[in-house]
């Protein structure tokens, strides 16, 4: 993996790589990172306010350029600038501690920039609200071009990503090019649902996944017989669990096999393997709505032991793809094999491990995100076509 900060923390380098592989430009990223090289050496937690200031300065510059382009009637130029600005600010916000007073204002600004990007760059992407247990879950819907109902993928987050990261990834655009729509969902414990609504994660993911299907079934532009679910990172637990018990899904993809997240937490407590985000335990407790701090982890770890797929993937009865990096430093590749081996009732189970020689070998393929993204998009399109024929 390209490491901008050679002696800096994994989390910082992962953010840079994710940004570059989601449409960021090397010159812009370099100008943001150059002033904070020393801050990176202070440790993954200590320098995150510096990270925010540097990347916000870049965001400010691009937004200013975009506004000038809009005034001049250069909508395409403005859209490209807003799109990149949303990418940069999403990564900076992801690095902050839950307790940082800049977190909510930064995220609210990100929502505004993303909407401007839709208006100028991605007119087929729009904001939707999913009814869910007396409230709503926020999402972005990418409508595939053409008339008539289209198949759709519900794309779900991991531990620390947001629907804005999904938008920056351009996976929705790869699906659209194959005639497939995409619902980018901030499910409980992620994104806007967590940050602005306080909706925390739950083990029984089929509850909110079923709500997403309920919403899609009300839309005239959705082929309700072809609704799939794809989850990256911790979504590699969320999505298979959902597909195991919500039988309206036609296929499922684990974009990173998070077969036993609870066991991974016990490894992380012992500092085995890498953590995905700074201020890790504070973030984890926030996601799951648990009180306490790092001194009360044993109780949380007992709860987290229930976040696993043993006895669950056996219930998957639809096509199932597991995509994993051979050098994933967060989630052992052994978990990909475990999910595959246990999915005995899937009519089409496939394991794809990305190697160092081809790239996409790090966590969810962030070191070569377009490579794994198009592979998954092709698999989804091929599988929907096979289901049509059958």
Protein backbone atom coordinates (compact mmCIF):
# COMPACT_ATOMS: atom_id res chain seq x y z
CA UNK A 1 0.00 0.00 0.00
CA UNK A 2 1.21 3.50 -0.84
CA UNK A 3 2.20 5.17 2.43
CA UNK A 4 2.31 8.95 2.28
CA UNK A 5 3.44 9.06 5.91
CA UNK A 6 6.31 6.50 5.95
CA UNK A 7 6.64 6.59 9.74
CA UNK A 8 3.06 7.63 10.40
CA UNK A 9 0.09 5.55 11.57
CA UNK A 10 -1.75 3.01 9.43
CA UNK A 11 -5.06 4.85 9.86
CA UNK A 12 -3.64 8.04 8.33
CA UNK A 13 -2.09 6.21 5.38
CA UNK A 14 -5.30 4.27 4.79
CA UNK A 15 -7.25 7.53 4.63
CA UNK A 16 -4.87 8.95 2.03
CA UNK A 17 -5.08 5.80 -0.11
CA UNK A 18 -8.87 5.65 0.19
CA UNK A 19 -9.10 9.30 -0.87
CA UNK A 20 -6.85 8.84 -3.89
CA UNK A 21 -8.75 5.74 -4.99
CA UNK A 22 -12.07 7.58 -4.66
CA UNK A 23 -11.23 10.30 -7.15
CA UNK A 24 -8.83 12.45 -5.11
CA UNK A 25 -5.97 14.08 -6.99
CA UNK A 26 -2.39 13.46 -5.88
CA UNK A 27 -1.43 17.15 -6.02
CA UNK A 28 -4.38 18.23 -3.88
CA UNK A 29 -3.83 15.45 -1.37
CA UNK A 30 -0.11 16.29 -1.19
CA UNK A 31 -0.83 19.96 -0.54
CA UNK A 32 -3.18 18.99 2.29
CA UNK A 33 -0.81 16.43 3.84
CA UNK A 34 2.55 18.16 3.51
CA UNK A 35 1.95 20.54 6.47
CA UNK A 36 0.92 17.71 8.81
CA UNK A 37 3.76 15.22 8.33
CA UNK A 38 5.09 15.97 11.81
CA UNK A 39 1.61 15.70 13.33
CA UNK A 40 1.29 12.19 11.85
CA UNK A 41 4.32 11.10 13.84
CA UNK A 42 2.64 12.11 17.09
CA UNK A 43 0.34 9.08 16.90
CA UNK A 44 -2.94 8.26 15.23
CA UNK A 45 -5.12 10.06 17.80
CA UNK A 46 -3.12 13.15 18.73
CA UNK A 47 -2.90 14.75 15.31
CA UNK A 48 -6.46 14.39 14.05
CA UNK A 49 -7.37 18.07 14.73
CA UNK A 50 -4.39 19.01 12.55
CA UNK A 51 -5.62 16.56 9.89
CA UNK A 52 -9.03 18.25 9.95
CA UNK A 53 -7.59 21.76 9.66
CA UNK A 54 -5.35 20.85 6.71
CA UNK A 55 -8.01 18.96 4.79
CA UNK A 56 -10.66 21.58 5.56
CA UNK A 57 -8.38 24.23 4.05
CA UNK A 58 -8.23 22.16 0.87
CA UNK A 59 -12.01 21.71 0.96
CA UNK A 60 -12.48 25.48 1.37
CA UNK A 61 -10.29 26.13 -1.66
CA UNK A 62 -12.21 23.70 -3.87
CA UNK A 63 -15.61 24.94 -2.74
CA UNK A 64 -14.55 28.50 -3.51
CA UNK A 65 -13.44 27.44 -6.97
CA UNK A 66 -16.70 25.57 -7.47
CA UNK A 67 -18.77 28.58 -6.53
CA UNK A 68 -16.87 30.75 -9.00
CA UNK A 69 -17.37 28.12 -11.70
CA UNK A 70 -21.10 28.05 -11.00
CA UNK A 71 -21.32 31.83 -11.29
CA UNK A 72 -19.61 31.60 -14.66
CA UNK A 73 -22.07 28.94 -15.82
CA UNK A 74 -19.45 26.17 -15.80
CA UNK A 75 -21.61 23.51 -14.20
CA UNK A 76 -19.44 20.53 -15.12
CA UNK A 77 -16.33 22.15 -13.63
CA UNK A 78 -18.23 23.05 -10.47
CA UNK A 79 -19.51 19.50 -10.17
CA UNK A 80 -16.04 18.00 -10.36
CA UNK A 81 -14.83 20.37 -7.64
CA UNK A 82 -17.78 19.71 -5.34
CA UNK A 83 -17.36 15.97 -5.86
CA UNK A 84 -13.70 16.04 -4.81
CA UNK A 85 -14.40 18.42 -1.94
CA UNK A 86 -16.97 15.99 -0.52
CA UNK A 87 -14.40 13.18 -0.76
CA UNK A 88 -11.76 15.16 1.15
CA UNK A 89 -14.07 16.39 3.88
CA UNK A 90 -15.60 12.93 4.38
CA UNK A 91 -12.16 11.48 5.09
CA UNK A 92 -11.23 14.30 7.47
CA UNK A 93 -14.50 13.93 9.40
CA UNK A 94 -14.02 10.17 9.67
CA UNK A 95 -10.76 10.69 11.58
CA UNK A 96 -12.23 12.81 14.38
CA UNK A 97 -13.05 11.65 17.88
CA UNK A 98 -16.72 11.34 18.75
CA UNK A 99 -16.19 13.94 21.47
CA UNK A 100 -14.55 16.48 19.13
CA UNK A 101 -16.83 19.56 18.96
CA UNK A 102 -15.98 19.93 15.28
CA UNK A 103 -17.48 16.58 14.35
CA UNK A 104 -21.14 17.45 13.92
CA UNK A 105 -20.57 20.84 12.24
CA UNK A 106 -18.10 19.23 9.85
CA UNK A 107 -20.55 16.47 8.99
CA UNK A 108 -23.41 18.93 8.42
CA UNK A 109 -21.19 20.86 6.03
CA UNK A 110 -20.36 17.59 4.25
CA UNK A 111 -24.08 17.00 3.67
CA UNK A 112 -24.38 20.43 2.07
CA UNK A 113 -21.40 19.89 -0.22
CA UNK A 114 -22.66 16.44 -1.23
CA UNK A 115 -26.01 17.92 -2.22
CA UNK A 116 -24.24 20.51 -4.36
CA UNK A 117 -22.30 17.69 -5.99
CA UNK A 118 -25.54 15.88 -6.83
CA UNK A 119 -26.97 19.05 -8.37
CA UNK A 120 -23.93 19.76 -10.54
CA UNK A 121 -22.13 16.43 -10.99
CA UNK A 122 -24.54 13.54 -10.39
CA UNK A 123 -28.14 14.51 -11.21
CA UNK A 124 -29.30 10.89 -11.05
CA UNK A 125 -28.35 10.72 -7.36
CA UNK A 126 -30.89 12.03 -4.85
CA UNK A 127 -31.53 11.97 -1.13
CA UNK A 128 -34.24 9.65 0.23
CA UNK A 129 -35.59 8.80 3.68
CA UNK A 130 -36.33 5.18 4.64
CA UNK A 131 -39.15 4.69 7.18
CA UNK A 132 -37.75 2.75 10.14
CA UNK A 133 -39.26 2.09 13.57
CA UNK A 134 -40.98 5.45 14.02
CA UNK A 135 -38.20 7.47 12.41
CA UNK A 136 -36.27 7.37 9.13
CA UNK A 137 -32.87 6.27 7.88
CA UNK A 138 -31.09 8.65 5.47
CA UNK A 139 -29.86 7.34 2.14
CA UNK A 140 -28.83 8.37 -1.36
CA UNK A 141 -30.51 6.71 -4.34
CA UNK A 142 -28.66 6.40 -7.64
CA UNK A 143 -31.16 5.73 -10.41
CA UNK A 144 -29.86 3.64 -13.29
CA UNK A 145 -30.51 5.24 -16.69
CA UNK A 146 -33.33 4.09 -18.95
CA UNK A 147 -37.02 3.45 -18.59
CA UNK A 148 -38.74 0.77 -16.59
CA UNK A 149 -37.96 -0.89 -13.27
CA UNK A 150 -34.29 -1.67 -12.62
CA UNK A 151 -32.49 -4.08 -10.30
CA UNK A 152 -31.02 -2.37 -7.26
CA UNK A 153 -28.22 -2.89 -4.75
CA UNK A 154 -28.53 -1.79 -1.14
CA UNK A 155 -24.99 -0.67 -0.24
CA UNK A 156 -24.26 -0.60 3.49
CA UNK A 157 -21.45 0.88 5.57
CA UNK A 158 -18.83 -0.53 7.86
CA UNK A 159 -17.85 0.70 11.31
CA UNK A 160 -16.79 4.23 10.42
CA UNK A 161 -17.82 5.01 6.84
CA UNK A 162 -20.80 7.04 5.63
CA UNK A 163 -23.04 7.21 2.59
CA UNK A 164 -20.81 10.09 1.48
CA UNK A 165 -17.87 7.66 1.31
CA UNK A 166 -20.07 5.38 -0.79
CA UNK A 167 -20.82 8.28 -3.10
CA UNK A 168 -17.11 9.14 -3.45
CA UNK A 169 -16.26 5.50 -4.19
CA UNK A 170 -18.16 5.66 -7.51
CA UNK A 171 -19.39 2.08 -7.03
CA UNK A 172 -22.92 3.37 -7.66
CA UNK A 173 -21.72 4.68 -11.03
CA UNK A 174 -20.25 1.29 -11.97
CA UNK A 175 -23.62 -0.27 -11.15
CA UNK A 176 -25.51 2.38 -13.12
CA UNK A 177 -23.35 1.68 -16.18
CA UNK A 178 -24.57 -1.94 -15.92
CA UNK A 179 -28.23 -0.93 -15.60
CA UNK A 180 -28.40 -1.32 -11.82
CA UNK A 181 -29.60 1.29 -9.33
CA UNK A 182 -28.04 1.71 -5.88
CA UNK A 183 -29.40 2.68 -2.47
CA UNK A 184 -26.48 4.01 -0.40
CA UNK A 185 -27.73 3.60 3.15
CA UNK A 186 -26.63 5.10 6.45
CA UNK A 187 -27.91 2.19 8.51
CA UNK A 188 -28.07 2.25 12.34
CA UNK A 189 -24.64 2.91 13.82
CA UNK A 190 -23.27 4.71 10.77
CA UNK A 191 -23.13 8.05 9.02
CA UNK A 192 -25.96 10.50 9.46
CA UNK A 193 -28.15 7.99 11.29
CA UNK A 194 -25.58 7.88 14.08
CA UNK A 195 -24.18 11.41 13.95
CA UNK A 196 -27.38 13.45 13.72
CA UNK A 197 -30.11 11.04 14.84
CA UNK A 198 -28.38 8.97 17.50
CA UNK A 199 -29.51 5.66 15.96
CA UNK A 200 -27.01 3.03 17.08
CA UNK A 201 -26.00 -0.32 15.62
CA UNK A 202 -27.79 -3.61 16.26
CA UNK A 203 -26.84 -7.24 15.83
CA UNK A 204 -30.09 -8.24 14.05
CA UNK A 205 -29.35 -6.31 10.86
CA UNK A 206 -32.28 -7.86 9.05
CA UNK A 207 -34.53 -5.36 10.89
CA UNK A 208 -33.19 -2.26 9.14
CA UNK A 209 -32.39 -4.16 5.94
CA UNK A 210 -36.02 -5.23 5.74
CA UNK A 211 -37.06 -1.58 6.12
CA UNK A 212 -34.86 -0.72 3.12
CA UNK A 213 -36.56 -3.43 1.06
CA UNK A 214 -39.99 -2.18 2.17
CA UNK A 215 -39.09 1.26 0.82
CA UNK A 216 -37.72 -0.10 -2.46
CA UNK A 217 -40.89 -2.09 -3.01
CA UNK A 218 -42.86 1.18 -3.08
CA UNK A 219 -40.82 2.58 -5.99
CA UNK A 220 -41.98 2.23 -9.58
CA UNK A 221 -38.39 2.29 -10.84
CA UNK A 222 -37.28 -0.81 -8.89
CA UNK A 223 -37.50 -4.42 -10.04
CA UNK A 224 -38.49 -5.91 -6.70
CA UNK A 225 -37.47 -9.42 -7.76
CA UNK A 226 -33.86 -8.25 -8.11
CA UNK A 227 -32.83 -6.48 -4.91
CA UNK A 228 -29.35 -7.33 -3.63
CA UNK A 229 -27.29 -6.20 -0.65
CA UNK A 230 -23.58 -5.38 -0.56
CA UNK A 231 -21.72 -4.48 2.63
CA UNK A 232 -18.11 -3.39 3.02
CA UNK A 233 -15.86 -3.76 6.10
CA UNK A 234 -18.18 -4.33 9.08
CA UNK A 235 -20.83 -4.49 6.37
CA UNK A 236 -19.23 -7.87 5.67
CA UNK A 237 -21.09 -8.93 8.82
CA UNK A 238 -24.16 -6.71 8.38
CA UNK A 239 -25.02 -7.77 4.81
CA UNK A 240 -24.67 -11.58 5.13
CA UNK A 241 -26.64 -11.48 8.38
CA UNK A 242 -29.36 -9.46 6.65
CA UNK A 243 -29.54 -11.79 3.63
CA UNK A 244 -29.66 -14.85 5.87
CA UNK A 245 -32.92 -13.76 7.50
CA UNK A 246 -34.45 -11.22 5.08
CA UNK A 247 -35.43 -13.54 2.25
CA UNK A 248 -36.43 -10.82 -0.22
CA UNK A 249 -32.78 -10.21 -1.10
CA UNK A 250 -31.82 -11.91 -4.37
CA UNK A 251 -28.04 -11.88 -3.76
CA UNK A 252 -25.45 -10.75 -1.22
CA UNK A 253 -21.83 -9.59 -1.27
CA UNK A 254 -19.42 -9.40 1.68
CA UNK A 255 -16.94 -6.74 0.56
CA UNK A 256 -14.46 -7.80 3.23
CA UNK A 257 -15.40 -10.90 5.21
CA UNK A 258 -16.16 -9.78 8.76
CA UNK A 259 -17.15 -13.25 9.87
CA UNK A 260 -16.38 -12.82 13.56
CA UNK A 261 -16.20 -9.15 14.50
CA UNK A 262 -16.32 -9.96 18.21
CA UNK A 263 -13.16 -12.03 18.00
CA UNK A 264 -11.45 -9.21 16.11
CA UNK A 265 -12.24 -6.84 19.00
CA UNK A 266 -10.48 -9.12 21.45
CA UNK A 267 -7.45 -9.15 19.14
CA UNK A 268 -7.52 -5.36 18.91
CA UNK A 269 -7.57 -5.03 22.68
CA UNK A 270 -4.28 -6.93 22.64
CA UNK A 271 -3.05 -4.66 19.81
CA UNK A 272 -3.08 -7.52 17.30
CA UNK A 273 -3.86 -6.29 13.82
CA UNK A 274 -4.61 -2.73 12.73
CA UNK A 275 -7.51 -0.51 13.75
CA UNK A 276 -9.57 1.22 11.03
CA UNK A 277 -9.97 4.62 12.68
CA UNK A 278 -8.29 6.80 15.35
CA UNK A 279 -9.87 7.11 18.80
CA UNK A 280 -10.89 3.53 18.25
CA UNK A 281 -12.64 2.39 21.43
CA UNK A 282 -14.45 5.69 21.85
CA UNK A 283 -15.76 5.26 18.32
CA UNK A 284 -16.79 1.64 18.80
CA UNK A 285 -18.74 2.34 21.99
CA UNK A 286 -20.50 5.24 20.26
CA UNK A 287 -21.49 3.07 17.27
CA UNK A 288 -23.07 0.41 19.46
CA UNK A 289 -24.64 2.82 21.94
CA UNK A 290 -22.69 1.51 24.91
CA UNK A 291 -21.82 3.58 27.95
CA UNK A 292 -18.39 3.63 29.51
CA UNK A 293 -14.86 4.11 28.26
CA UNK A 294 -11.75 2.09 27.60
CA UNK A 295 -11.67 1.06 31.26
CA UNK A 296 -14.99 -0.81 30.86
CA UNK A 297 -14.12 -2.82 27.77
CA UNK A 298 -14.60 -6.28 29.22
CA UNK A 299 -18.36 -5.78 29.41
CA UNK A 300 -18.45 -4.50 25.84
CA UNK A 301 -16.30 -7.37 24.58
CA UNK A 302 -18.77 -9.83 26.09
CA UNK A 303 -21.51 -8.12 24.06
CA UNK A 304 -19.36 -8.03 20.92
CA UNK A 305 -18.90 -11.79 21.08
CA UNK A 306 -22.43 -11.96 19.65
CA UNK A 307 -21.40 -10.17 16.45
CA UNK A 308 -20.46 -13.17 14.31
CA UNK A 309 -21.76 -15.27 11.42
CA UNK A 310 -21.29 -18.79 12.79
CA UNK A 311 -24.67 -20.48 12.33
CA UNK A 312 -25.83 -17.53 10.24
CA UNK A 313 -24.29 -17.86 6.77
CA UNK A 314 -25.72 -21.38 6.66
CA UNK A 315 -29.10 -19.64 6.35
CA UNK A 316 -28.12 -17.79 3.16
CA UNK A 317 -30.06 -19.31 0.27
CA UNK A 318 -29.14 -16.83 -2.48
CA UNK A 319 -25.94 -16.23 -4.47
CA UNK A 320 -23.15 -15.09 -2.15
CA UNK A 321 -19.83 -13.44 -3.06
CA UNK A 322 -17.03 -12.97 -0.54
CA UNK A 323 -14.32 -10.53 -1.70
CA UNK A 324 -11.27 -10.10 0.53
CA UNK A 325 -7.70 -8.81 0.38
CA UNK A 326 -4.93 -11.33 1.00
CA UNK A 327 -3.03 -8.72 3.04
CA UNK A 328 -6.00 -7.27 4.96
CA UNK A 329 -4.38 -6.01 8.17
CA UNK A 330 -7.71 -5.47 9.92
CA UNK A 331 -9.68 -8.64 9.20
CA UNK A 332 -7.80 -11.96 8.77
CA UNK A 333 -8.27 -13.60 5.39
CA UNK A 334 -9.12 -16.80 7.27
CA UNK A 335 -12.52 -15.27 7.96
CA UNK A 336 -13.22 -15.10 4.22
CA UNK A 337 -12.60 -18.83 3.97
CA UNK A 338 -14.80 -19.44 7.00
CA UNK A 339 -17.75 -17.56 5.50
CA UNK A 340 -17.31 -19.44 2.24
CA UNK A 341 -17.03 -22.84 3.87
CA UNK A 342 -20.12 -22.34 6.02
CA UNK A 343 -22.36 -20.94 3.25
CA UNK A 344 -23.38 -24.45 2.22
CA UNK A 345 -26.93 -23.53 1.23
CA UNK A 346 -26.06 -20.75 -1.19
CA UNK A 347 -26.75 -21.88 -4.77
CA UNK A 348 -23.79 -19.83 -6.00
CA UNK A 349 -21.07 -19.10 -3.48
CA UNK A 350 -17.83 -17.57 -4.62
CA UNK A 351 -14.66 -16.54 -2.81
CA UNK A 352 -12.38 -13.97 -4.45
CA UNK A 353 -9.11 -13.18 -2.68
CA UNK A 354 -7.15 -10.25 -4.15
CA UNK A 355 -3.39 -10.73 -4.19
CA UNK A 356 -0.44 -8.34 -3.74
CA UNK A 357 0.54 -8.90 -7.37
CA UNK A 358 -2.75 -7.48 -8.68
CA UNK A 359 -3.52 -4.97 -5.94
CA UNK A 360 -6.67 -4.52 -3.84
CA UNK A 361 -4.96 -6.68 -1.25
CA UNK A 362 -5.52 -4.36 1.74
CA UNK A 363 -8.73 -3.90 3.72
CA UNK A 364 -11.74 -3.92 1.32
CA UNK A 365 -9.28 -3.32 -1.50
CA UNK A 366 -8.73 0.33 -0.60
CA UNK A 367 -5.24 0.19 -2.10
CA UNK A 368 -6.83 -0.48 -5.53
CA UNK A 369 -10.48 0.29 -4.97
CA UNK A 370 -11.53 0.53 -8.65
CA UNK A 371 -10.22 -3.00 -9.26
CA UNK A 372 -12.35 -4.65 -6.60
CA UNK A 373 -15.27 -2.31 -7.31
CA UNK A 374 -15.59 -3.33 -10.95
CA UNK A 375 -15.15 -7.00 -10.07
CA UNK A 376 -18.07 -6.82 -7.66
CA UNK A 377 -20.17 -4.79 -10.11
CA UNK A 378 -19.56 -7.38 -12.83
CA UNK A 379 -20.43 -10.25 -10.47
CA UNK A 380 -23.64 -8.51 -9.43
CA UNK A 381 -24.64 -7.83 -13.05
CA UNK A 382 -23.83 -11.38 -14.15
CA UNK A 383 -25.72 -12.87 -11.21
CA UNK A 384 -28.82 -10.74 -11.81
CA UNK A 385 -28.72 -11.87 -15.48
CA UNK A 386 -28.45 -15.52 -14.40
CA UNK A 387 -31.42 -15.08 -12.09
CA UNK A 388 -33.41 -13.60 -14.98
CA UNK A 389 -32.64 -16.60 -17.16
CA UNK A 390 -33.62 -19.05 -14.47
